[in-house]
């Protein structure tokens, strides 16, 4: 086993890869076969979520990674990170000095995989459709700065924004802005099931059993015109129930690549030379984990309860016991490597302190121990989540100030219950839609936020978020962003815990592995290829 560490220098808060994985000895399937990629992401259609792959609904890293291969967007996040680049568009830019008018020109001769032409009217239809449907997943909030969309001929589309939004090019690179064919997607209704059609690098076909995807085949789209080069003809993505099953498959030679989520133990095994035909590539990531609160719930309605939890939780101990060197403590919603980050929670609470936590509860006349249930998902963020919540439970209970129990739920029931406000306290992860501080703030704190949180701060929503979006130079937005983070540390509607690295394991004849995931955990299957055996 060879370990490859991707070292990324921070430049203006963004990251630029400087090392690529290389090929090696004979292993895995033959060169003419599909490259087989494993994931523990689950893709399930349920009564609450019958249309998991509709761009107007999908809003988690797993479903987005299917859509990014098959549904094209005007802009795309480049292989080497940095600012978004035109993809379905030939060119895009703000046409005013106030970042309120954004114009794009489509590539000439652009076609859907079906052969139908892609027009500016299709772009307008697709984005207005997502806004009109306004799915309860919260994904349409990414487009909420759009006022009107106009088309000029078949190739030009102009977005008029309600307010300045320097992050808008990033938002046009996300799947909710994916271009769909009106023939396949109704104007006012989500497309149920697992069919996906677009103009992206691949066509998509799912093998479905019991309303869940078992495997998905991505076949190179010969009609694709865009910003990426496709280095393979076919990729098969297989979904596994857990990390152990996925690891067993690569050990048997049934997989070429393992992506998210491997367990900490598996990563340590590969890092220690557990398999001489499998390479482990680690790279910085922007994944964060946090506790979220239903601030209307009686158990945590008092700010003092949430502040006491912030004062007690020992992030360093949590990380060392569960994740080791694979994660770092996080003291803000904004990761430490992103421009605008501030250690607001550490600045306010410092090191864990029982005395300070007790004082917070006493001054608020809170009877102790405070009885709480922490909810987590058993199958979405990896097998270590249970252990993480056991550590959190022990830390809080050992204080004598809390009486905490924990409950795990599969994602298919966890996410709908969380959106309906059925959990007082629950654990979530976040893989950013794009690598900007705004995307670690607005999805949790703005109107119609991703969490469906009842927490409402008018200063954040009406003043500070709009202020930060006016700054094309994101460093200039730091003052507003820091103020937001300080308010969050004071009110604790969410409690950040840690940020993690990300890992890909691949048989050593697979090339392009270092670019298979970008810092936002976007799966870039087109980067994978098969090297020369021997």
Protein backbone atom coordinates (compact mmCIF):
# COMPACT_ATOMS: atom_id res chain seq x y z
CA UNK A 1 0.00 0.00 0.00
CA UNK A 2 1.26 3.44 -0.87
CA UNK A 3 -0.14 6.46 0.87
CA UNK A 4 -0.46 9.67 -1.09
CA UNK A 5 -1.08 12.87 0.79
CA UNK A 6 -2.49 15.75 -1.19
CA UNK A 7 -1.04 18.96 0.18
CA UNK A 8 -3.16 21.99 -0.66
CA UNK A 9 -2.00 25.54 0.03
CA UNK A 10 -4.69 28.06 0.99
CA UNK A 11 -5.01 30.93 -1.49
CA UNK A 12 -7.65 33.54 -0.68
CA UNK A 13 -9.55 30.93 1.28
CA UNK A 14 -9.67 28.44 -1.60
CA UNK A 15 -7.50 25.41 -2.18
CA UNK A 16 -5.40 24.37 -5.15
CA UNK A 17 -4.26 20.74 -5.59
CA UNK A 18 -0.59 20.27 -6.33
CA UNK A 19 -0.17 16.49 -6.43
CA UNK A 20 -1.90 13.81 -8.51
CA UNK A 21 -2.12 10.09 -7.88
CA UNK A 22 -0.20 7.78 -10.18
CA UNK A 23 -0.66 4.25 -11.50
CA UNK A 24 1.21 1.12 -10.61
CA UNK A 25 0.94 -2.65 -10.58
CA UNK A 26 -1.70 -4.93 -12.05
CA UNK A 27 -4.84 -5.08 -9.95
CA UNK A 28 -8.56 -4.47 -10.26
CA UNK A 29 -10.64 -5.17 -13.35
CA UNK A 30 -9.37 -5.22 -16.92
CA UNK A 31 -8.83 -2.02 -18.90
CA UNK A 32 -11.90 -2.48 -21.07
CA UNK A 33 -14.23 -2.84 -18.08
CA UNK A 34 -16.11 -0.14 -16.23
CA UNK A 35 -14.22 1.43 -13.34
CA UNK A 36 -16.14 0.27 -10.26
CA UNK A 37 -16.51 2.78 -7.44
CA UNK A 38 -17.94 1.98 -4.01
CA UNK A 39 -19.88 4.28 -1.70
CA UNK A 40 -21.89 3.91 1.50
CA UNK A 41 -24.29 6.62 0.33
CA UNK A 42 -27.85 5.30 0.21
CA UNK A 43 -30.24 6.35 -2.56
CA UNK A 44 -33.78 5.54 -1.51
CA UNK A 45 -37.21 6.64 -2.70
CA UNK A 46 -39.70 6.93 0.17
CA UNK A 47 -43.16 8.32 0.77
CA UNK A 48 -41.56 11.46 2.21
CA UNK A 49 -38.96 11.70 -0.58
CA UNK A 50 -40.26 9.98 -3.75
CA UNK A 51 -38.05 12.06 -6.09
CA UNK A 52 -34.54 11.79 -4.60
CA UNK A 53 -32.71 12.57 -7.89
CA UNK A 54 -34.75 15.50 -9.16
CA UNK A 55 -32.44 18.57 -9.27
CA UNK A 56 -35.29 20.63 -7.81
CA UNK A 57 -35.32 18.38 -4.72
CA UNK A 58 -31.95 16.68 -4.19
CA UNK A 59 -29.85 18.27 -1.44
CA UNK A 60 -27.28 15.92 -0.01
CA UNK A 61 -23.78 15.06 -1.14
CA UNK A 62 -24.69 11.58 -2.39
CA UNK A 63 -27.53 12.55 -4.71
CA UNK A 64 -25.65 15.64 -5.87
CA UNK A 65 -22.74 13.42 -6.85
CA UNK A 66 -25.07 11.51 -9.17
CA UNK A 67 -26.45 14.72 -10.66
CA UNK A 68 -23.04 16.33 -11.17
CA UNK A 69 -22.09 13.50 -13.53
CA UNK A 70 -25.26 13.68 -15.61
CA UNK A 71 -27.01 17.07 -15.37
CA UNK A 72 -25.04 20.04 -16.64
CA UNK A 73 -24.90 23.51 -15.10
CA UNK A 74 -23.95 26.86 -16.61
CA UNK A 75 -20.90 27.05 -14.36
CA UNK A 76 -18.75 24.34 -12.78
CA UNK A 77 -16.19 24.13 -10.00
CA UNK A 78 -12.86 23.40 -11.69
CA UNK A 79 -10.61 20.44 -11.04
CA UNK A 80 -8.01 22.63 -9.41
CA UNK A 81 -10.49 24.53 -7.24
CA UNK A 82 -10.65 28.32 -7.49
CA UNK A 83 -13.44 30.35 -9.04
CA UNK A 84 -16.17 28.60 -11.04
CA UNK A 85 -15.64 28.27 -14.80
CA UNK A 86 -18.20 28.14 -17.63
CA UNK A 87 -19.47 24.64 -18.38
CA UNK A 88 -22.72 24.56 -20.37
CA UNK A 89 -21.98 28.23 -20.90
CA UNK A 90 -19.35 29.53 -23.27
CA UNK A 91 -18.97 32.60 -21.07
CA UNK A 92 -20.56 34.10 -17.96
CA UNK A 93 -19.94 37.32 -16.06
CA UNK A 94 -21.46 40.09 -14.01
CA UNK A 95 -22.32 42.93 -16.36
CA UNK A 96 -22.67 45.63 -13.69
CA UNK A 97 -20.46 46.93 -10.90
CA UNK A 98 -22.94 45.98 -8.18
CA UNK A 99 -23.03 42.19 -8.71
CA UNK A 100 -26.76 42.27 -9.48
CA UNK A 101 -26.86 41.35 -13.20
CA UNK A 102 -25.26 38.12 -14.36
CA UNK A 103 -25.24 37.12 -18.05
CA UNK A 104 -24.30 33.82 -19.69
CA UNK A 105 -23.96 32.70 -23.29
CA UNK A 106 -24.45 28.98 -24.01
CA UNK A 107 -22.01 26.92 -26.03
CA UNK A 108 -22.99 26.66 -29.67
CA UNK A 109 -24.62 23.35 -30.63
CA UNK A 110 -25.16 22.23 -27.02
CA UNK A 111 -27.38 19.14 -26.81
CA UNK A 112 -29.06 16.96 -24.21
CA UNK A 113 -27.94 13.33 -24.32
CA UNK A 114 -31.27 12.60 -26.06
CA UNK A 115 -30.18 14.76 -28.99
CA UNK A 116 -32.53 17.67 -28.26
CA UNK A 117 -30.87 21.10 -28.37
CA UNK A 118 -30.19 22.91 -25.09
CA UNK A 119 -31.48 26.46 -25.27
CA UNK A 120 -31.52 29.54 -23.08
CA UNK A 121 -35.24 28.88 -22.63
CA UNK A 122 -34.39 25.48 -21.12
CA UNK A 123 -32.07 27.17 -18.61
CA UNK A 124 -34.80 29.63 -17.63
CA UNK A 125 -37.35 26.80 -17.39
CA UNK A 126 -35.09 24.65 -15.20
CA UNK A 127 -34.19 27.31 -12.66
CA UNK A 128 -37.68 28.81 -12.48
CA UNK A 129 -39.01 25.27 -12.02
CA UNK A 130 -36.80 24.70 -8.96
CA UNK A 131 -37.92 28.02 -7.48
CA UNK A 132 -41.58 27.33 -8.24
CA UNK A 133 -41.59 23.84 -6.74
CA UNK A 134 -39.72 25.13 -3.66
CA UNK A 135 -39.13 21.60 -2.34
CA UNK A 136 -39.07 21.00 1.39
CA UNK A 137 -35.45 19.87 1.15
CA UNK A 138 -34.58 23.58 1.18
CA UNK A 139 -32.36 23.40 -1.90
CA UNK A 140 -34.15 26.20 -3.78
CA UNK A 141 -32.89 28.65 -1.14
CA UNK A 142 -29.57 28.61 -3.02
CA UNK A 143 -31.35 30.52 -5.80
CA UNK A 144 -33.28 32.93 -3.60
CA UNK A 145 -31.39 36.02 -4.72
CA UNK A 146 -32.81 35.65 -8.26
CA UNK A 147 -35.47 38.22 -9.11
CA UNK A 148 -36.13 37.57 -12.80
CA UNK A 149 -34.55 35.61 -15.65
CA UNK A 150 -34.65 36.81 -19.25
CA UNK A 151 -33.50 35.15 -22.46
CA UNK A 152 -32.11 36.79 -25.57
CA UNK A 153 -32.35 34.41 -28.48
CA UNK A 154 -31.54 30.72 -27.97
CA UNK A 155 -28.10 31.14 -26.42
CA UNK A 156 -28.16 34.08 -24.02
CA UNK A 157 -29.66 34.16 -20.53
CA UNK A 158 -29.56 37.05 -18.06
CA UNK A 159 -30.18 36.81 -14.32
CA UNK A 160 -31.43 39.92 -12.54
CA UNK A 161 -30.80 39.59 -8.80
CA UNK A 162 -32.82 41.04 -5.92
CA UNK A 163 -29.65 42.08 -4.16
CA UNK A 164 -25.91 41.95 -4.76
CA UNK A 165 -24.58 38.40 -4.60
CA UNK A 166 -20.90 37.88 -5.39
CA UNK A 167 -21.36 34.15 -4.69
CA UNK A 168 -23.94 33.73 -7.48
CA UNK A 169 -21.50 32.11 -9.97
CA UNK A 170 -20.89 29.39 -7.37
CA UNK A 171 -24.62 28.85 -6.98
CA UNK A 172 -24.99 28.34 -10.73
CA UNK A 173 -22.46 25.50 -10.41
CA UNK A 174 -24.71 23.51 -8.04
CA UNK A 175 -27.15 20.80 -9.21
CA UNK A 176 -30.25 22.79 -8.26
CA UNK A 177 -29.30 25.01 -11.20
CA UNK A 178 -28.97 21.95 -13.43
CA UNK A 179 -30.41 22.25 -16.94
CA UNK A 180 -33.23 19.79 -17.59
CA UNK A 181 -35.33 19.05 -20.66
CA UNK A 182 -38.96 20.22 -20.30
CA UNK A 183 -39.94 17.01 -22.10
CA UNK A 184 -38.64 14.99 -19.13
CA UNK A 185 -39.39 17.25 -16.18
CA UNK A 186 -42.84 18.74 -15.54
CA UNK A 187 -43.07 22.41 -14.64
CA UNK A 188 -44.89 22.05 -11.31
CA UNK A 189 -44.15 18.49 -10.24
CA UNK A 190 -41.09 16.58 -9.09
CA UNK A 191 -39.92 13.62 -11.15
CA UNK A 192 -40.39 10.57 -8.95
CA UNK A 193 -38.04 7.61 -9.02
CA UNK A 194 -34.48 7.22 -10.28
CA UNK A 195 -34.42 8.48 -13.86
CA UNK A 196 -32.02 11.30 -14.67
CA UNK A 197 -31.59 13.01 -18.03
CA UNK A 198 -29.33 15.92 -18.89
CA UNK A 199 -26.40 17.10 -20.98
CA UNK A 200 -23.58 16.25 -18.56
CA UNK A 201 -20.45 14.14 -19.08
CA UNK A 202 -22.36 10.86 -18.61
CA UNK A 203 -25.72 9.28 -19.16
CA UNK A 204 -27.15 7.53 -16.12
CA UNK A 205 -28.96 4.26 -15.52
CA UNK A 206 -29.84 2.83 -12.11
CA UNK A 207 -30.25 -0.76 -10.97
CA UNK A 208 -33.02 -0.50 -8.37
CA UNK A 209 -34.23 -3.01 -5.79
CA UNK A 210 -36.82 -2.35 -3.07
CA UNK A 211 -37.00 1.37 -3.93
CA UNK A 212 -33.24 1.83 -3.53
CA UNK A 213 -30.33 2.06 -5.96
CA UNK A 214 -28.07 -0.98 -5.76
CA UNK A 215 -25.72 0.24 -8.47
CA UNK A 216 -25.63 3.01 -11.04
CA UNK A 217 -23.93 2.99 -14.42
CA UNK A 218 -22.46 6.17 -15.87
CA UNK A 219 -21.71 5.90 -19.60
CA UNK A 220 -19.70 8.55 -21.43
CA UNK A 221 -22.03 10.99 -23.20
CA UNK A 222 -20.76 11.50 -26.77
CA UNK A 223 -22.80 14.71 -27.08
CA UNK A 224 -21.23 16.38 -24.04
CA UNK A 225 -19.66 19.80 -24.50
CA UNK A 226 -18.24 21.38 -21.39
CA UNK A 227 -15.27 22.20 -19.21
CA UNK A 228 -14.11 18.69 -18.26
CA UNK A 229 -12.27 15.94 -20.10
CA UNK A 230 -13.76 12.49 -19.57
CA UNK A 231 -10.95 9.95 -19.05
CA UNK A 232 -13.03 6.77 -19.14
CA UNK A 233 -15.92 5.25 -21.07
CA UNK A 234 -17.93 3.87 -18.17
CA UNK A 235 -18.07 3.97 -14.37
CA UNK A 236 -20.22 1.81 -12.14
CA UNK A 237 -21.13 3.22 -8.72
CA UNK A 238 -22.11 0.56 -6.18
CA UNK A 239 -23.92 1.37 -2.95
CA UNK A 240 -22.96 -0.64 0.15
CA UNK A 241 -24.87 -0.85 3.44
CA UNK A 242 -21.78 -0.03 5.49
CA UNK A 243 -18.04 0.55 5.36
CA UNK A 244 -17.21 -3.05 6.25
CA UNK A 245 -19.13 -4.42 3.26
CA UNK A 246 -17.45 -1.89 0.97
CA UNK A 247 -14.00 -2.75 2.32
CA UNK A 248 -14.63 -6.47 1.82
CA UNK A 249 -15.48 -5.78 -1.84
CA UNK A 250 -12.22 -3.98 -2.55
CA UNK A 251 -10.29 -6.72 -0.72
CA UNK A 252 -11.86 -9.28 -3.08
CA UNK A 253 -11.00 -7.20 -6.14
CA UNK A 254 -14.65 -6.38 -6.90
CA UNK A 255 -14.03 -2.65 -6.50
CA UNK A 256 -11.47 -0.34 -8.06
CA UNK A 257 -12.15 2.69 -5.85
CA UNK A 258 -13.62 3.33 -2.38
CA UNK A 259 -15.03 6.76 -1.60
CA UNK A 260 -17.06 8.07 1.29
CA UNK A 261 -17.41 6.83 3.86
CA UNK A 262 -14.63 4.61 5.13
CA UNK A 263 -14.40 4.00 8.87
CA UNK A 264 -11.52 5.45 10.90
CA UNK A 265 -10.27 1.88 11.52
CA UNK A 266 -10.19 1.10 7.79
CA UNK A 267 -8.31 4.31 7.04
CA UNK A 268 -5.76 3.47 9.74
CA UNK A 269 -5.38 -0.04 8.32
CA UNK A 270 -4.74 1.21 4.79
CA UNK A 271 -2.44 3.93 6.08
CA UNK A 272 -0.44 1.29 7.91
CA UNK A 273 0.19 -0.82 4.81
CA UNK A 274 -2.72 -3.24 5.08
CA UNK A 275 -2.90 -3.85 1.31
CA UNK A 276 0.03 -3.46 -1.08
CA UNK A 277 -2.29 -3.15 -4.10
CA UNK A 278 -4.45 -0.37 -2.70
CA UNK A 279 -3.39 3.27 -2.44
CA UNK A 280 -4.89 5.62 0.15
CA UNK A 281 -5.11 9.26 -0.92
CA UNK A 282 -5.91 11.81 1.77
CA UNK A 283 -6.69 15.42 1.08
CA UNK A 284 -8.02 18.42 2.97
CA UNK A 285 -11.79 18.59 3.08
CA UNK A 286 -14.42 21.08 4.12
CA UNK A 287 -16.77 18.61 5.77
CA UNK A 288 -18.05 19.75 9.15
CA UNK A 289 -20.11 18.10 11.87
CA UNK A 290 -22.33 19.92 14.33
CA UNK A 291 -25.24 19.64 16.71
CA UNK A 292 -28.42 21.47 15.69
CA UNK A 293 -31.22 22.60 17.97
CA UNK A 294 -34.94 23.01 17.58
CA UNK A 295 -34.86 26.30 19.46
CA UNK A 296 -38.63 26.21 19.94
CA UNK A 297 -38.47 22.91 21.87
CA UNK A 298 -39.00 23.31 25.61
CA UNK A 299 -35.87 21.33 26.56
CA UNK A 300 -33.46 23.63 24.70
CA UNK A 301 -35.51 26.81 24.28
CA UNK A 302 -33.43 28.53 26.94
CA UNK A 303 -30.22 29.85 25.46
CA UNK A 304 -28.49 28.97 28.72
CA UNK A 305 -28.98 25.24 28.10
CA UNK A 306 -27.39 25.46 24.69
CA UNK A 307 -24.58 27.65 26.02
CA UNK A 308 -23.90 25.18 28.83
CA UNK A 309 -23.52 22.40 26.29
CA UNK A 310 -21.08 24.59 24.34
CA UNK A 311 -19.17 25.18 27.57
CA UNK A 312 -18.93 21.47 28.43
CA UNK A 313 -18.21 19.65 25.17
CA UNK A 314 -14.55 18.79 24.78
CA UNK A 315 -13.89 18.76 21.04
CA UNK A 316 -10.27 17.71 21.40
CA UNK A 317 -11.21 14.61 23.38
CA UNK A 318 -14.05 13.82 20.98
CA UNK A 319 -11.79 13.97 17.94
CA UNK A 320 -8.91 12.04 19.50
CA UNK A 321 -11.13 9.21 20.78
CA UNK A 322 -13.14 8.73 17.60
CA UNK A 323 -11.29 10.14 14.58
CA UNK A 324 -7.67 10.64 15.56
CA UNK A 325 -5.70 12.57 12.95
CA UNK A 326 -8.60 12.32 10.50
CA UNK A 327 -10.39 15.37 11.96
CA UNK A 328 -9.74 18.61 13.84
CA UNK A 329 -11.80 20.49 16.45
CA UNK A 330 -13.99 23.22 14.95
CA UNK A 331 -15.01 26.41 16.76
CA UNK A 332 -17.22 27.96 14.10
CA UNK A 333 -19.56 26.89 11.32
CA UNK A 334 -16.93 28.20 8.88
CA UNK A 335 -13.95 25.81 8.57
CA UNK A 336 -10.51 27.08 9.49
CA UNK A 337 -9.23 26.97 5.90
CA UNK A 338 -11.97 29.19 4.44
CA UNK A 339 -11.63 32.97 4.19
CA UNK A 340 -13.80 34.61 6.83
CA UNK A 341 -13.31 31.92 9.51
CA UNK A 342 -13.29 33.04 13.13
CA UNK A 343 -12.80 30.89 16.24
CA UNK A 344 -15.90 32.46 17.77
CA UNK A 345 -16.87 29.55 20.04
CA UNK A 346 -13.37 29.26 21.50
CA UNK A 347 -13.21 33.04 21.94
CA UNK A 348 -16.44 32.96 23.94
CA UNK A 349 -16.18 29.70 25.89
CA UNK A 350 -12.47 28.87 25.98
CA UNK A 351 -11.60 25.43 27.32
CA UNK A 352 -14.35 23.15 28.69
CA UNK A 353 -15.39 24.24 32.18
CA UNK A 354 -17.88 22.58 34.52
CA UNK A 355 -17.95 25.63 36.80
CA UNK A 356 -18.81 28.02 33.98
CA UNK A 357 -21.49 25.68 32.62
CA UNK A 358 -23.06 25.33 36.07
CA UNK A 359 -23.04 29.10 36.49
CA UNK A 360 -24.85 29.59 33.16
CA UNK A 361 -27.64 27.22 34.18
CA UNK A 362 -27.90 28.60 37.72
CA UNK A 363 -28.25 32.21 36.55
CA UNK A 364 -31.02 31.13 34.16
CA UNK A 365 -32.79 29.19 36.95
CA UNK A 366 -32.56 25.92 34.98
CA UNK A 367 -33.24 22.80 37.04
CA UNK A 368 -30.53 20.17 36.66
CA UNK A 369 -29.90 17.62 35.42
CA UNK A 370 -31.37 18.75 32.09
CA UNK A 371 -32.91 15.74 30.37
CA UNK A 372 -32.16 15.53 26.64
CA UNK A 373 -32.10 13.01 23.80
CA UNK A 374 -29.42 13.45 21.13
CA UNK A 375 -30.49 12.01 17.78
CA UNK A 376 -28.09 10.87 15.06
CA UNK A 377 -28.29 9.07 11.72
CA UNK A 378 -26.92 5.54 11.59
CA UNK A 379 -26.18 5.22 7.87
CA UNK A 380 -25.33 8.60 6.36
CA UNK A 381 -22.09 9.91 7.86
CA UNK A 382 -20.25 6.67 8.54
CA UNK A 383 -20.11 3.99 11.19
CA UNK A 384 -18.14 6.15 13.65
CA UNK A 385 -21.16 8.42 14.24
CA UNK A 386 -22.53 6.17 16.98
CA UNK A 387 -19.21 6.23 18.85
CA UNK A 388 -19.09 10.01 18.45
CA UNK A 389 -22.47 10.38 20.12
CA UNK A 390 -21.51 7.99 22.89
CA UNK A 391 -18.56 10.28 23.68
CA UNK A 392 -20.80 13.36 23.63
CA UNK A 393 -23.30 11.60 25.90
CA UNK A 394 -20.58 10.70 28.42
CA UNK A 395 -19.09 14.20 28.42
CA UNK A 396 -22.44 15.82 29.17
CA UNK A 397 -23.59 13.24 31.70
CA UNK A 398 -20.28 13.20 33.57
CA UNK A 399 -20.86 16.87 34.36
CA UNK A 400 -23.94 15.99 36.44
CA UNK A 401 -25.72 18.89 34.75
CA UNK A 402 -27.31 16.79 32.02
CA UNK A 403 -29.14 13.49 31.73
CA UNK A 404 -28.58 12.60 28.08
CA UNK A 405 -29.74 9.58 26.10
CA UNK A 406 -28.91 8.94 22.44
CA UNK A 407 -30.99 7.48 19.61
CA UNK A 408 -29.89 6.45 16.11
CA UNK A 409 -32.11 6.45 13.03
CA UNK A 410 -31.62 5.57 9.35
CA UNK A 411 -31.29 8.63 7.12
CA UNK A 412 -34.54 7.86 5.29
CA UNK A 413 -36.48 8.49 8.51
CA UNK A 414 -34.00 10.81 10.27
CA UNK A 415 -34.04 13.61 7.70
CA UNK A 416 -37.87 13.91 7.34
CA UNK A 417 -38.28 13.80 11.13
CA UNK A 418 -35.64 16.50 11.59
CA UNK A 419 -37.31 18.73 8.99
CA UNK A 420 -40.64 18.33 10.80
CA UNK A 421 -39.09 19.49 14.09
CA UNK A 422 -39.45 16.13 15.82
CA UNK A 423 -35.96 16.21 17.38
CA UNK A 424 -34.88 18.74 20.01
CA UNK A 425 -31.16 18.10 19.46
CA UNK A 426 -29.66 16.22 16.53
CA UNK A 427 -26.36 15.66 14.81
CA UNK A 428 -25.76 16.74 11.24
CA UNK A 429 -22.90 16.98 8.79
CA UNK A 430 -22.35 19.52 6.05
CA UNK A 431 -20.47 19.15 2.80
CA UNK A 432 -20.47 22.62 1.25
CA UNK A 433 -22.30 23.38 -1.96
CA UNK A 434 -19.33 25.58 -2.83
CA UNK A 435 -16.14 26.58 -0.95
CA UNK A 436 -17.15 30.01 0.38
CA UNK A 437 -17.98 31.12 3.92
CA UNK A 438 -21.47 32.14 2.79
CA UNK A 439 -22.30 28.48 2.23
CA UNK A 440 -21.47 27.61 5.82
CA UNK A 441 -23.75 30.37 7.11
CA UNK A 442 -26.79 31.02 4.92
CA UNK A 443 -28.00 27.37 4.72
CA UNK A 444 -28.35 27.33 8.52
CA UNK A 445 -29.31 30.90 9.36
CA UNK A 446 -31.08 32.51 6.41
CA UNK A 447 -34.81 32.39 5.71
CA UNK A 448 -36.12 29.02 4.50
CA UNK A 449 -32.86 27.42 5.64
CA UNK A 450 -31.77 23.85 4.99
CA UNK A 451 -32.46 22.77 8.56
CA UNK A 452 -35.92 24.29 8.71
CA UNK A 453 -34.68 25.86 11.94
CA UNK A 454 -37.06 28.15 13.84
CA UNK A 455 -34.10 30.29 14.92
CA UNK A 456 -34.48 33.74 13.42
CA UNK A 457 -32.02 36.59 13.74
CA UNK A 458 -33.07 39.64 11.76
CA UNK A 459 -29.63 41.24 11.94
CA UNK A 460 -28.05 38.20 10.30
CA UNK A 461 -30.76 37.78 7.66
CA UNK A 462 -31.48 41.39 6.73
CA UNK A 463 -28.12 43.06 7.21
CA UNK A 464 -25.07 40.87 7.67
CA UNK A 465 -25.61 38.16 5.02
CA UNK A 466 -26.52 40.77 2.35
CA UNK A 467 -23.49 42.86 3.38
CA UNK A 468 -21.14 39.92 3.02
CA UNK A 469 -22.51 39.05 -0.43
CA UNK A 470 -21.79 42.53 -1.79
CA UNK A 471 -18.06 41.91 -1.49
CA UNK A 472 -16.55 40.39 -4.62
CA UNK A 473 -13.25 40.28 -2.71
CA UNK A 474 -14.21 37.71 -0.10
CA UNK A 475 -11.52 38.91 2.29
CA UNK A 476 -13.41 42.20 2.47
CA UNK A 477 -16.49 40.30 3.65
CA UNK A 478 -14.68 39.07 6.78
CA UNK A 479 -16.03 41.79 9.08
CA UNK A 480 -19.66 40.86 8.41
CA UNK A 481 -18.86 37.15 8.49
CA UNK A 482 -17.08 37.41 11.85
CA UNK A 483 -20.02 39.29 13.34
CA UNK A 484 -22.36 36.49 12.21
CA UNK A 485 -20.13 33.85 13.77
CA UNK A 486 -19.99 35.78 17.05
CA UNK A 487 -23.81 35.94 17.17
CA UNK A 488 -23.99 32.18 16.57
CA UNK A 489 -21.56 31.56 19.45
CA UNK A 490 -23.74 33.70 21.70
CA UNK A 491 -27.12 32.22 20.72
CA UNK A 492 -25.99 28.65 19.86
CA UNK A 493 -28.70 27.65 17.36
CA UNK A 494 -26.04 25.20 16.15
CA UNK A 495 -22.93 23.88 17.88
CA UNK A 496 -19.95 23.11 15.61
CA UNK A 497 -17.87 20.07 16.60
CA UNK A 498 -15.19 19.18 14.06
CA UNK A 499 -13.99 19.43 10.48
CA UNK A 500 -12.55 16.44 8.68
CA UNK A 501 -10.17 15.31 6.01
CA UNK A 502 -11.44 13.16 3.18
CA UNK A 503 -10.05 9.94 1.79
CA UNK A 504 -10.19 7.85 -1.35
CA UNK A 505 -8.77 4.34 -1.61
CA UNK A 506 -8.03 2.86 -5.03
CA UNK A 507 -6.38 -0.15 -6.57
CA UNK A 508 -3.01 0.98 -7.77
CA UNK A 509 -3.67 0.84 -11.52
CA UNK A 510 -6.32 3.57 -11.22
CA UNK A 511 -5.18 7.05 -12.20
CA UNK A 512 -6.63 10.46 -11.42
CA UNK A 513 -7.54 9.43 -7.87
CA UNK A 514 -6.24 12.66 -6.30
CA UNK A 515 -8.87 14.58 -8.29
CA UNK A 516 -11.73 12.14 -7.71
CA UNK A 517 -13.04 14.41 -4.95
CA UNK A 518 -12.65 18.15 -4.66
CA UNK A 519 -12.63 20.01 -1.34
CA UNK A 520 -16.44 20.21 -1.36
CA UNK A 521 -16.59 16.39 -1.62
CA UNK A 522 -17.80 16.63 -5.22
CA UNK A 523 -17.26 13.27 -6.92
CA UNK A 524 -15.50 13.80 -10.25
CA UNK A 525 -15.75 10.37 -11.88
CA UNK A 526 -14.48 11.73 -15.20
CA UNK A 527 -11.01 12.13 -13.67
CA UNK A 528 -10.58 8.39 -13.14
CA UNK A 529 -8.68 6.29 -15.66
CA UNK A 530 -6.87 2.99 -15.82
CA UNK A 531 -3.10 2.91 -15.98
CA UNK A 532 -0.71 0.44 -17.57
CA UNK A 533 -0.44 -2.82 -15.63
CA UNK A 534 2.87 -4.16 -14.53
